[in-house]
PDB file of all heavy atoms in Angstrom:
ATOM      1  N   VAL A   1     134.865  85.399  47.030  1.00  0.00           N
ATOM      2  CA  VAL A   1     136.206  84.874  47.288  1.00  0.00           C
ATOM      3  C   VAL A   1     136.037  83.358  47.325  1.00  0.00           C
ATOM      4  O   VAL A   1     135.282  82.842  48.163  1.00  0.00           O
ATOM      5  CB  VAL A   1     136.778  85.387  48.628  1.00  0.00           C
ATOM      6  CG1 VAL A   1     138.116  84.728  48.924  1.00  0.00           C
ATOM      7  CG2 VAL A   1     136.891  86.901  48.624  1.00  0.00           C
ATOM      8  N   PRO A   2     136.674  82.620  46.414  1.00  0.00           N
ATOM      9  CA  PRO A   2     136.492  81.171  46.367  1.00  0.00           C
ATOM     10  C   PRO A   2     136.736  80.502  47.721  1.00  0.00           C
ATOM     11  O   PRO A   2     137.711  80.792  48.401  1.00  0.00           O
ATOM     12  CB  PRO A   2     137.529  80.712  45.342  1.00  0.00           C
ATOM     13  CG  PRO A   2     137.722  81.909  44.458  1.00  0.00           C
ATOM     14  CD  PRO A   2     137.610  83.098  45.384  1.00  0.00           C
ATOM     15  N   GLY A   3     135.782  79.648  48.111  1.00  0.00           N
ATOM     16  CA  GLY A   3     135.924  78.857  49.323  1.00  0.00           C
ATOM     17  C   GLY A   3     135.478  79.532  50.598  1.00  0.00           C
ATOM     18  O   GLY A   3     135.668  78.986  51.671  1.00  0.00           O
ATOM     19  N   GLU A   4     134.880  80.721  50.502  1.00  0.00           N
ATOM     20  CA  GLU A   4     134.375  81.352  51.719  1.00  0.00           C
ATOM     21  C   GLU A   4     132.955  81.838  51.522  1.00  0.00           C
ATOM     22  O   GLU A   4     132.487  81.989  50.401  1.00  0.00           O
ATOM     23  CB  GLU A   4     135.285  82.478  52.206  1.00  0.00           C
ATOM     24  CG  GLU A   4     135.226  83.753  51.425  1.00  0.00           C
ATOM     25  CD  GLU A   4     136.026  84.876  52.077  1.00  0.00           C
ATOM     26  OE1 GLU A   4     137.122  84.630  52.628  1.00  0.00           O
ATOM     27  OE2 GLU A   4     135.550  86.012  52.032  1.00  0.00           O
ATOM     28  N   GLY A   5     132.253  82.052  52.635  1.00  0.00           N
ATOM     29  CA  GLY A   5     130.876  82.520  52.564  1.00  0.00           C
ATOM     30  C   GLY A   5     130.121  82.216  53.843  1.00  0.00           C
ATOM     31  O   GLY A   5     130.658  82.328  54.942  1.00  0.00           O
ATOM     32  N   HIS A   6     128.880  81.787  53.679  1.00  0.00           N
ATOM     33  CA  HIS A   6     127.991  81.505  54.803  1.00  0.00           C
ATOM     34  C   HIS A   6     127.034  80.392  54.376  1.00  0.00           C
ATOM     35  O   HIS A   6     127.098  79.920  53.245  1.00  0.00           O
ATOM     36  CB  HIS A   6     127.209  82.768  55.199  1.00  0.00           C
ATOM     37  CG  HIS A   6     126.364  83.308  54.100  1.00  0.00           C
ATOM     38  ND1 HIS A   6     126.882  84.033  53.025  1.00  0.00           N
ATOM     39  CD2 HIS A   6     125.041  83.224  53.865  1.00  0.00           C
ATOM     40  CE1 HIS A   6     125.907  84.371  52.206  1.00  0.00           C
ATOM     41  NE2 HIS A   6     124.776  83.885  52.692  1.00  0.00           N
ATOM     42  N   ALA A   7     126.158  79.984  55.275  1.00  0.00           N
ATOM     43  CA  ALA A   7     125.194  78.926  54.961  1.00  0.00           C
ATOM     44  C   ALA A   7     123.776  79.487  55.039  1.00  0.00           C
ATOM     45  O   ALA A   7     123.525  80.469  55.744  1.00  0.00           O
ATOM     46  CB  ALA A   7     125.348  77.764  55.942  1.00  0.00           C
ATOM     47  N   HIS A   8     122.864  78.868  54.304  1.00  0.00           N
ATOM     48  CA  HIS A   8     121.437  79.150  54.431  1.00  0.00           C
ATOM     49  C   HIS A   8     120.801  77.927  55.076  1.00  0.00           C
ATOM     50  O   HIS A   8     121.096  76.788  54.694  1.00  0.00           O
ATOM     51  CB  HIS A   8     120.797  79.435  53.078  1.00  0.00           C
ATOM     52  CG  HIS A   8     121.207  80.744  52.490  1.00  0.00           C
ATOM     53  ND1 HIS A   8     120.752  81.168  51.266  1.00  0.00           N
ATOM     54  CD2 HIS A   8     122.022  81.735  52.946  1.00  0.00           C
ATOM     55  CE1 HIS A   8     121.265  82.364  50.991  1.00  0.00           C
ATOM     56  NE2 HIS A   8     122.048  82.717  51.994  1.00  0.00           N
ATOM     57  N   VAL A   9     119.943  78.158  56.064  1.00  0.00           N
ATOM     58  CA  VAL A   9     119.312  77.078  56.822  1.00  0.00           C
ATOM     59  C   VAL A   9     117.825  77.051  56.483  1.00  0.00           C
ATOM     60  O   VAL A   9     117.144  78.089  56.547  1.00  0.00           O
ATOM     61  CB  VAL A   9     119.511  77.284  58.344  1.00  0.00           C
ATOM     62  CG1 VAL A   9     118.835  76.167  59.127  1.00  0.00           C
ATOM     63  CG2 VAL A   9     120.994  77.369  58.685  1.00  0.00           C
ATOM     64  N   PHE A  10     117.333  75.874  56.130  1.00  0.00           N
ATOM     65  CA  PHE A  10     115.937  75.674  55.755  1.00  0.00           C
ATOM     66  C   PHE A  10     115.294  74.644  56.675  1.00  0.00           C
ATOM     67  O   PHE A  10     115.946  73.671  57.071  1.00  0.00           O
ATOM     68  CB  PHE A  10     115.828  75.135  54.326  1.00  0.00           C
ATOM     69  CG  PHE A  10     116.395  76.038  53.268  1.00  0.00           C
ATOM     70  CD1 PHE A  10     117.764  76.103  53.039  1.00  0.00           C
ATOM     71  CD2 PHE A  10     115.563  76.817  52.485  1.00  0.00           C
ATOM     72  CE1 PHE A  10     118.292  76.927  52.057  1.00  0.00           C
ATOM     73  CE2 PHE A  10     116.073  77.636  51.499  1.00  0.00           C
ATOM     74  CZ  PHE A  10     117.446  77.697  51.287  1.00  0.00           C
ATOM     75  N   VAL A  11     114.029  74.832  57.006  1.00  0.00           N
ATOM     76  CA  VAL A  11     113.236  73.829  57.704  1.00  0.00           C
ATOM     77  C   VAL A  11     112.024  73.561  56.830  1.00  0.00           C
ATOM     78  O   VAL A  11     111.263  74.489  56.513  1.00  0.00           O
ATOM     79  CB  VAL A  11     112.804  74.298  59.111  1.00  0.00           C
ATOM     80  CG1 VAL A  11     111.885  73.265  59.753  1.00  0.00           C
ATOM     81  CG2 VAL A  11     114.026  74.552  59.996  1.00  0.00           C
ATOM     82  N   ASN A  12     111.869  72.319  56.404  1.00  0.00           N
ATOM     83  CA  ASN A  12     110.753  71.917  55.537  1.00  0.00           C
ATOM     84  C   ASN A  12     110.664  72.819  54.304  1.00  0.00           C
ATOM     85  O   ASN A  12     109.608  73.326  53.952  1.00  0.00           O
ATOM     86  CB  ASN A  12     109.440  71.916  56.314  1.00  0.00           C
ATOM     87  CG  ASN A  12     109.471  70.941  57.463  1.00  0.00           C
ATOM     88  OD1 ASN A  12     110.102  69.894  57.390  1.00  0.00           O
ATOM     89  ND2 ASN A  12     108.813  71.284  58.553  1.00  0.00           N
ATOM     90  N   ASP A  13     111.813  73.028  53.649  1.00  0.00           N
ATOM     91  CA  ASP A  13     111.930  73.802  52.411  1.00  0.00           C
ATOM     92  C   ASP A  13     111.678  75.298  52.564  1.00  0.00           C
ATOM     93  O   ASP A  13     111.535  76.000  51.570  1.00  0.00           O
ATOM     94  CB  ASP A  13     111.028  73.236  51.307  1.00  0.00           C
ATOM     95  CG  ASP A  13     111.461  71.846  50.873  1.00  0.00           C
ATOM     96  OD1 ASP A  13     112.679  71.599  50.803  1.00  0.00           O
ATOM     97  OD2 ASP A  13     110.579  71.008  50.608  1.00  0.00           O
ATOM     98  N   VAL A  14     111.613  75.813  53.785  1.00  0.00           N
ATOM     99  CA  VAL A  14     111.430  77.244  54.032  1.00  0.00           C
ATOM    100  C   VAL A  14     112.720  77.785  54.639  1.00  0.00           C
ATOM    101  O   VAL A  14     113.164  77.293  55.687  1.00  0.00           O
ATOM    102  CB  VAL A  14     110.236  77.510  54.976  1.00  0.00           C
ATOM    103  CG1 VAL A  14     110.122  78.992  55.307  1.00  0.00           C
ATOM    104  CG2 VAL A  14     108.942  76.987  54.366  1.00  0.00           C
ATOM    105  N   LYS A  15     113.315  78.788  53.978  1.00  0.00           N
ATOM    106  CA  LYS A  15     114.539  79.391  54.517  1.00  0.00           C
ATOM    107  C   LYS A  15     114.196  80.127  55.804  1.00  0.00           C
ATOM    108  O   LYS A  15     113.318  80.989  55.819  1.00  0.00           O
ATOM    109  CB  LYS A  15     115.154  80.355  53.503  1.00  0.00           C
ATOM    110  CG  LYS A  15     116.435  80.988  53.986  1.00  0.00           C
ATOM    111  CD  LYS A  15     116.986  81.934  52.943  1.00  0.00           C
ATOM    112  CE  LYS A  15     118.097  82.775  53.526  1.00  0.00           C
ATOM    113  NZ  LYS A  15     118.528  83.806  52.588  1.00  0.00           N
ATOM    114  N   ILE A  16     114.896  79.766  56.879  1.00  0.00           N
ATOM    115  CA  ILE A  16     114.609  80.415  58.157  1.00  0.00           C
ATOM    116  C   ILE A  16     115.711  81.384  58.580  1.00  0.00           C
ATOM    117  O   ILE A  16     115.464  82.276  59.387  1.00  0.00           O
ATOM    118  CB  ILE A  16     114.342  79.396  59.284  1.00  0.00           C
ATOM    119  CG1 ILE A  16     115.563  78.502  59.499  1.00  0.00           C
ATOM    120  CG2 ILE A  16     113.100  78.578  59.001  1.00  0.00           C
ATOM    121  CD1 ILE A  16     115.503  77.738  60.798  1.00  0.00           C
ATOM    122  N   SER A  17     116.941  81.187  58.059  1.00  0.00           N
ATOM    123  CA  SER A  17     118.022  82.056  58.503  1.00  0.00           C
ATOM    124  C   SER A  17     119.293  81.788  57.715  1.00  0.00           C
ATOM    125  O   SER A  17     119.356  80.867  56.910  1.00  0.00           O
ATOM    126  CB  SER A  17     118.292  81.819  59.992  1.00  0.00           C
ATOM    127  OG  SER A  17     119.166  82.788  60.504  1.00  0.00           O
ATOM    128  N   ARG A  18     120.294  82.597  58.013  1.00  0.00           N
ATOM    129  CA  ARG A  18     121.660  82.359  57.560  1.00  0.00           C
ATOM    130  C   ARG A  18     122.455  81.864  58.763  1.00  0.00           C
ATOM    131  O   ARG A  18     122.151  82.206  59.900  1.00  0.00           O
ATOM    132  CB  ARG A  18     122.311  83.653  57.077  1.00  0.00           C
ATOM    133  CG  ARG A  18     121.649  84.287  55.902  1.00  0.00           C
ATOM    134  CD  ARG A  18     122.372  85.590  55.588  1.00  0.00           C
ATOM    135  NE  ARG A  18     121.614  86.363  54.609  1.00  0.00           N
ATOM    136  CZ  ARG A  18     121.689  87.663  54.506  1.00  0.00           C
ATOM    137  NH1 ARG A  18     122.469  88.367  55.309  1.00  0.00           N
ATOM    138  NH2 ARG A  18     120.984  88.292  53.593  1.00  0.00           N
ATOM    139  N   ALA A  19     123.502  81.097  58.488  1.00  0.00           N
ATOM    140  CA  ALA A  19     124.434  80.684  59.537  1.00  0.00           C
ATOM    141  C   ALA A  19     125.802  81.237  59.159  1.00  0.00           C
ATOM    142  O   ALA A  19     126.270  81.045  58.033  1.00  0.00           O
ATOM    143  CB  ALA A  19     124.486  79.162  59.655  1.00  0.00           C
ATOM    144  N   TYR A  20     126.434  81.929  60.099  1.00  0.00           N
ATOM    145  CA  TYR A  20     127.722  82.564  59.858  1.00  0.00           C
ATOM    146  C   TYR A  20     128.872  81.801  60.490  1.00  0.00           C
ATOM    147  O   TYR A  20     130.003  82.284  60.509  1.00  0.00           O
ATOM    148  CB  TYR A  20     127.701  84.003  60.375  1.00  0.00           C
ATOM    149  CG  TYR A  20     126.687  84.860  59.655  1.00  0.00           C
ATOM    150  CD1 TYR A  20     125.603  85.385  60.335  1.00  0.00           C
ATOM    151  CD2 TYR A  20     126.806  85.125  58.299  1.00  0.00           C
ATOM    152  CE1 TYR A  20     124.669  86.171  59.679  1.00  0.00           C
ATOM    153  CE2 TYR A  20     125.877  85.912  57.628  1.00  0.00           C
ATOM    154  CZ  TYR A  20     124.816  86.434  58.330  1.00  0.00           C
ATOM    155  OH  TYR A  20     123.895  87.207  57.675  1.00  0.00           O
ATOM    156  N   GLY A  21     128.587  80.632  61.002  1.00  0.00           N
ATOM    157  CA  GLY A  21     129.604  79.790  61.609  1.00  0.00           C
ATOM    158  C   GLY A  21     129.128  78.358  61.616  1.00  0.00           C
ATOM    159  O   GLY A  21     128.005  78.055  61.183  1.00  0.00           O
ATOM    160  N   PRO A  22     129.948  77.445  62.117  1.00  0.00           N
ATOM    161  CA  PRO A  22     129.606  76.019  62.037  1.00  0.00           C
ATOM    162  C   PRO A  22     128.533  75.554  63.009  1.00  0.00           C
ATOM    163  O   PRO A  22     128.069  74.423  62.906  1.00  0.00           O
ATOM    164  CB  PRO A  22     130.931  75.322  62.312  1.00  0.00           C
ATOM    165  CG  PRO A  22     131.708  76.296  63.127  1.00  0.00           C
ATOM    166  CD  PRO A  22     131.290  77.664  62.644  1.00  0.00           C
ATOM    167  N   TYR A  23     128.123  76.396  63.950  1.00  0.00           N
ATOM    168  CA  TYR A  23     127.083  75.999  64.897  1.00  0.00           C
ATOM    169  C   TYR A  23     125.888  76.938  64.757  1.00  0.00           C
ATOM    170  O   TYR A  23     126.044  78.147  64.628  1.00  0.00           O
ATOM    171  CB  TYR A  23     127.595  76.019  66.340  1.00  0.00           C
ATOM    172  CG  TYR A  23     128.652  74.974  66.573  1.00  0.00           C
ATOM    173  CD1 TYR A  23     129.992  75.283  66.439  1.00  0.00           C
ATOM    174  CD2 TYR A  23     128.292  73.663  66.899  1.00  0.00           C
ATOM    175  CE1 TYR A  23     130.966  74.315  66.631  1.00  0.00           C
ATOM    176  CE2 TYR A  23     129.262  72.695  67.092  1.00  0.00           C
ATOM    177  CZ  TYR A  23     130.591  73.024  66.950  1.00  0.00           C
ATOM    178  OH  TYR A  23     131.551  72.066  67.130  1.00  0.00           O
ATOM    179  N   TYR A  24     124.694  76.340  64.795  1.00  0.00           N
ATOM    180  CA  TYR A  24     123.469  77.129  64.659  1.00  0.00           C
ATOM    181  C   TYR A  24     122.404  76.507  65.563  1.00  0.00           C
ATOM    182  O   TYR A  24     122.225  75.283  65.563  1.00  0.00           O
ATOM    183  CB  TYR A  24     122.984  77.125  63.203  1.00  0.00           C
ATOM    184  CG  TYR A  24     121.743  77.931  63.000  1.00  0.00           C
ATOM    185  CD1 TYR A  24     121.803  79.306  62.876  1.00  0.00           C
ATOM    186  CD2 TYR A  24     120.493  77.319  62.969  1.00  0.00           C
ATOM    187  CE1 TYR A  24     120.649  80.059  62.724  1.00  0.00           C
ATOM    188  CE2 TYR A  24     119.341  78.060  62.811  1.00  0.00           C
ATOM    189  CZ  TYR A  24     119.429  79.431  62.688  1.00  0.00           C
ATOM    190  OH  TYR A  24     118.295  80.180  62.540  1.00  0.00           O
ATOM    191  N   HIS A  25     121.704  77.344  66.327  1.00  0.00           N
ATOM    192  CA  HIS A  25     120.639  76.857  67.201  1.00  0.00           C
ATOM    193  C   HIS A  25     119.301  77.039  66.486  1.00  0.00           C
ATOM    194  O   HIS A  25     118.901  78.165  66.185  1.00  0.00           O
ATOM    195  CB  HIS A  25     120.643  77.621  68.528  1.00  0.00           C
ATOM    196  CG  HIS A  25     119.693  77.049  69.521  1.00  0.00           C
ATOM    197  ND1 HIS A  25     119.996  75.915  70.259  1.00  0.00           N
ATOM    198  CD2 HIS A  25     118.460  77.417  69.885  1.00  0.00           C
ATOM    199  CE1 HIS A  25     118.977  75.629  71.039  1.00  0.00           C
ATOM    200  NE2 HIS A  25     118.029  76.524  70.831  1.00  0.00           N
ATOM    201  N   LEU A  26     118.635  75.937  66.193  1.00  0.00           N
ATOM    202  CA  LEU A  26     117.338  75.984  65.518  1.00  0.00           C
ATOM    203  C   LEU A  26     116.246  76.415  66.494  1.00  0.00           C
ATOM    204  O   LEU A  26     116.291  76.051  67.670  1.00  0.00           O
ATOM    205  CB  LEU A  26     116.973  74.607  64.964  1.00  0.00           C
ATOM    206  CG  LEU A  26     117.801  74.118  63.792  1.00  0.00           C
ATOM    207  CD1 LEU A  26     117.584  72.633  63.589  1.00  0.00           C
ATOM    208  CD2 LEU A  26     117.454  74.885  62.537  1.00  0.00           C
ATOM    209  N   PRO A  27     115.255  77.156  66.005  1.00  0.00           N
ATOM    210  CA  PRO A  27     114.131  77.512  66.873  1.00  0.00           C
ATOM    211  C   PRO A  27     113.300  76.272  67.201  1.00  0.00           C
ATOM    212  O   PRO A  27     113.458  75.225  66.581  1.00  0.00           O
ATOM    213  CB  PRO A  27     113.333  78.504  66.042  1.00  0.00           C
ATOM    214  CG  PRO A  27     113.685  78.181  64.632  1.00  0.00           C
ATOM    215  CD  PRO A  27     115.100  77.679  64.659  1.00  0.00           C
ATOM    216  N   LYS A  28     112.399  76.427  68.155  1.00  0.00           N
ATOM    217  CA  LYS A  28     111.546  75.307  68.572  1.00  0.00           C
ATOM    218  C   LYS A  28     110.757  74.765  67.390  1.00  0.00           C
ATOM    219  O   LYS A  28     110.168  75.520  66.617  1.00  0.00           O
ATOM    220  CB  LYS A  28     110.592  75.747  69.674  1.00  0.00           C
ATOM    221  CG  LYS A  28     109.769  74.607  70.206  1.00  0.00           C
ATOM    222  CD  LYS A  28     108.980  74.978  71.417  1.00  0.00           C
ATOM    223  CE  LYS A  28     108.194  73.760  71.846  1.00  0.00           C
ATOM    224  NZ  LYS A  28     108.075  73.633  73.251  1.00  0.00           N
ATOM    225  N   LEU A  29     110.752  73.451  67.270  1.00  0.00           N
ATOM    226  CA  LEU A  29     110.014  72.774  66.206  1.00  0.00           C
ATOM    227  C   LEU A  29     108.702  72.233  66.757  1.00  0.00           C
ATOM    228  O   LEU A  29     108.628  71.785  67.896  1.00  0.00           O
ATOM    229  CB  LEU A  29     110.848  71.624  65.639  1.00  0.00           C
ATOM    230  CG  LEU A  29     112.188  72.008  65.014  1.00  0.00           C
ATOM    231  CD1 LEU A  29     112.959  70.752  64.635  1.00  0.00           C
ATOM    232  CD2 LEU A  29     111.994  72.910  63.809  1.00  0.00           C
ATOM    233  N   GLU A  30     107.687  72.272  65.925  1.00  0.00           N
ATOM    234  CA  GLU A  30     106.400  71.680  66.288  1.00  0.00           C
ATOM    235  C   GLU A  30     106.547  70.158  66.301  1.00  0.00           C
ATOM    236  O   GLU A  30     107.415  69.614  65.609  1.00  0.00           O
ATOM    237  CB  GLU A  30     105.322  72.088  65.281  1.00  0.00           C
ATOM    238  CG  GLU A  30     105.033  73.582  65.276  1.00  0.00           C
ATOM    239  CD  GLU A  30     104.454  74.068  66.591  1.00  0.00           C
ATOM    240  OE1 GLU A  30     103.635  73.338  67.186  1.00  0.00           O
ATOM    241  OE2 GLU A  30     104.827  75.169  67.029  1.00  0.00           O
ATOM    242  N   PRO A  31     105.719  69.446  67.059  1.00  0.00           N
ATOM    243  CA  PRO A  31     105.783  67.983  67.033  1.00  0.00           C
ATOM    244  C   PRO A  31     105.612  67.456  65.606  1.00  0.00           C
ATOM    245  O   PRO A  31     104.860  68.019  64.814  1.00  0.00           O
ATOM    246  CB  PRO A  31     104.598  67.573  67.913  1.00  0.00           C
ATOM    247  CG  PRO A  31     104.388  68.730  68.833  1.00  0.00           C
ATOM    248  CD  PRO A  31     104.710  69.943  67.988  1.00  0.00           C
ATOM    249  N   GLY A  32     106.347  66.415  65.282  1.00  0.00           N
ATOM    250  CA  GLY A  32     106.264  65.789  63.968  1.00  0.00           C
ATOM    251  C   GLY A  32     107.628  65.705  63.309  1.00  0.00           C
ATOM    252  O   GLY A  32     108.658  65.962  63.917  1.00  0.00           O
ATOM    253  N   GLU A  33     107.612  65.343  62.040  1.00  0.00           N
ATOM    254  CA  GLU A  33     108.834  65.138  61.270  1.00  0.00           C
ATOM    255  C   GLU A  33     109.206  66.437  60.549  1.00  0.00           C
ATOM    256  O   GLU A  33     108.340  67.119  59.999  1.00  0.00           O
ATOM    257  CB  GLU A  33     108.594  64.018  60.256  1.00  0.00           C
ATOM    258  CG  GLU A  33     109.845  63.519  59.595  1.00  0.00           C
ATOM    259  CD  GLU A  33     109.564  62.288  58.752  1.00  0.00           C
ATOM    260  OE1 GLU A  33     109.571  61.176  59.314  1.00  0.00           O
ATOM    261  OE2 GLU A  33     109.330  62.457  57.547  1.00  0.00           O
ATOM    262  N   HIS A  34     110.495  66.772  60.554  1.00  0.00           N
ATOM    263  CA  HIS A  34     110.990  67.997  59.924  1.00  0.00           C
ATOM    264  C   HIS A  34     112.266  67.689  59.155  1.00  0.00           C
ATOM    265  O   HIS A  34     113.134  66.971  59.657  1.00  0.00           O
ATOM    266  CB  HIS A  34     111.293  69.072  60.973  1.00  0.00           C
ATOM    267  CG  HIS A  34     110.104  69.430  61.798  1.00  0.00           C
ATOM    268  ND1 HIS A  34     109.141  70.303  61.370  1.00  0.00           N
ATOM    269  CD2 HIS A  34     109.720  69.002  63.024  1.00  0.00           C
ATOM    270  CE1 HIS A  34     108.215  70.416  62.300  1.00  0.00           C
ATOM    271  NE2 HIS A  34     108.540  69.623  63.312  1.00  0.00           N
TER     272      HIS A  34
END
């Protein structure tokens, strides 16, 4: 359906999850740049 769907969330080029709404809580990140 044009204009609807979901998001894919990546950390350092690795897909970690889908997001089904505008807010998403990322898992704990290791120290460093991401």
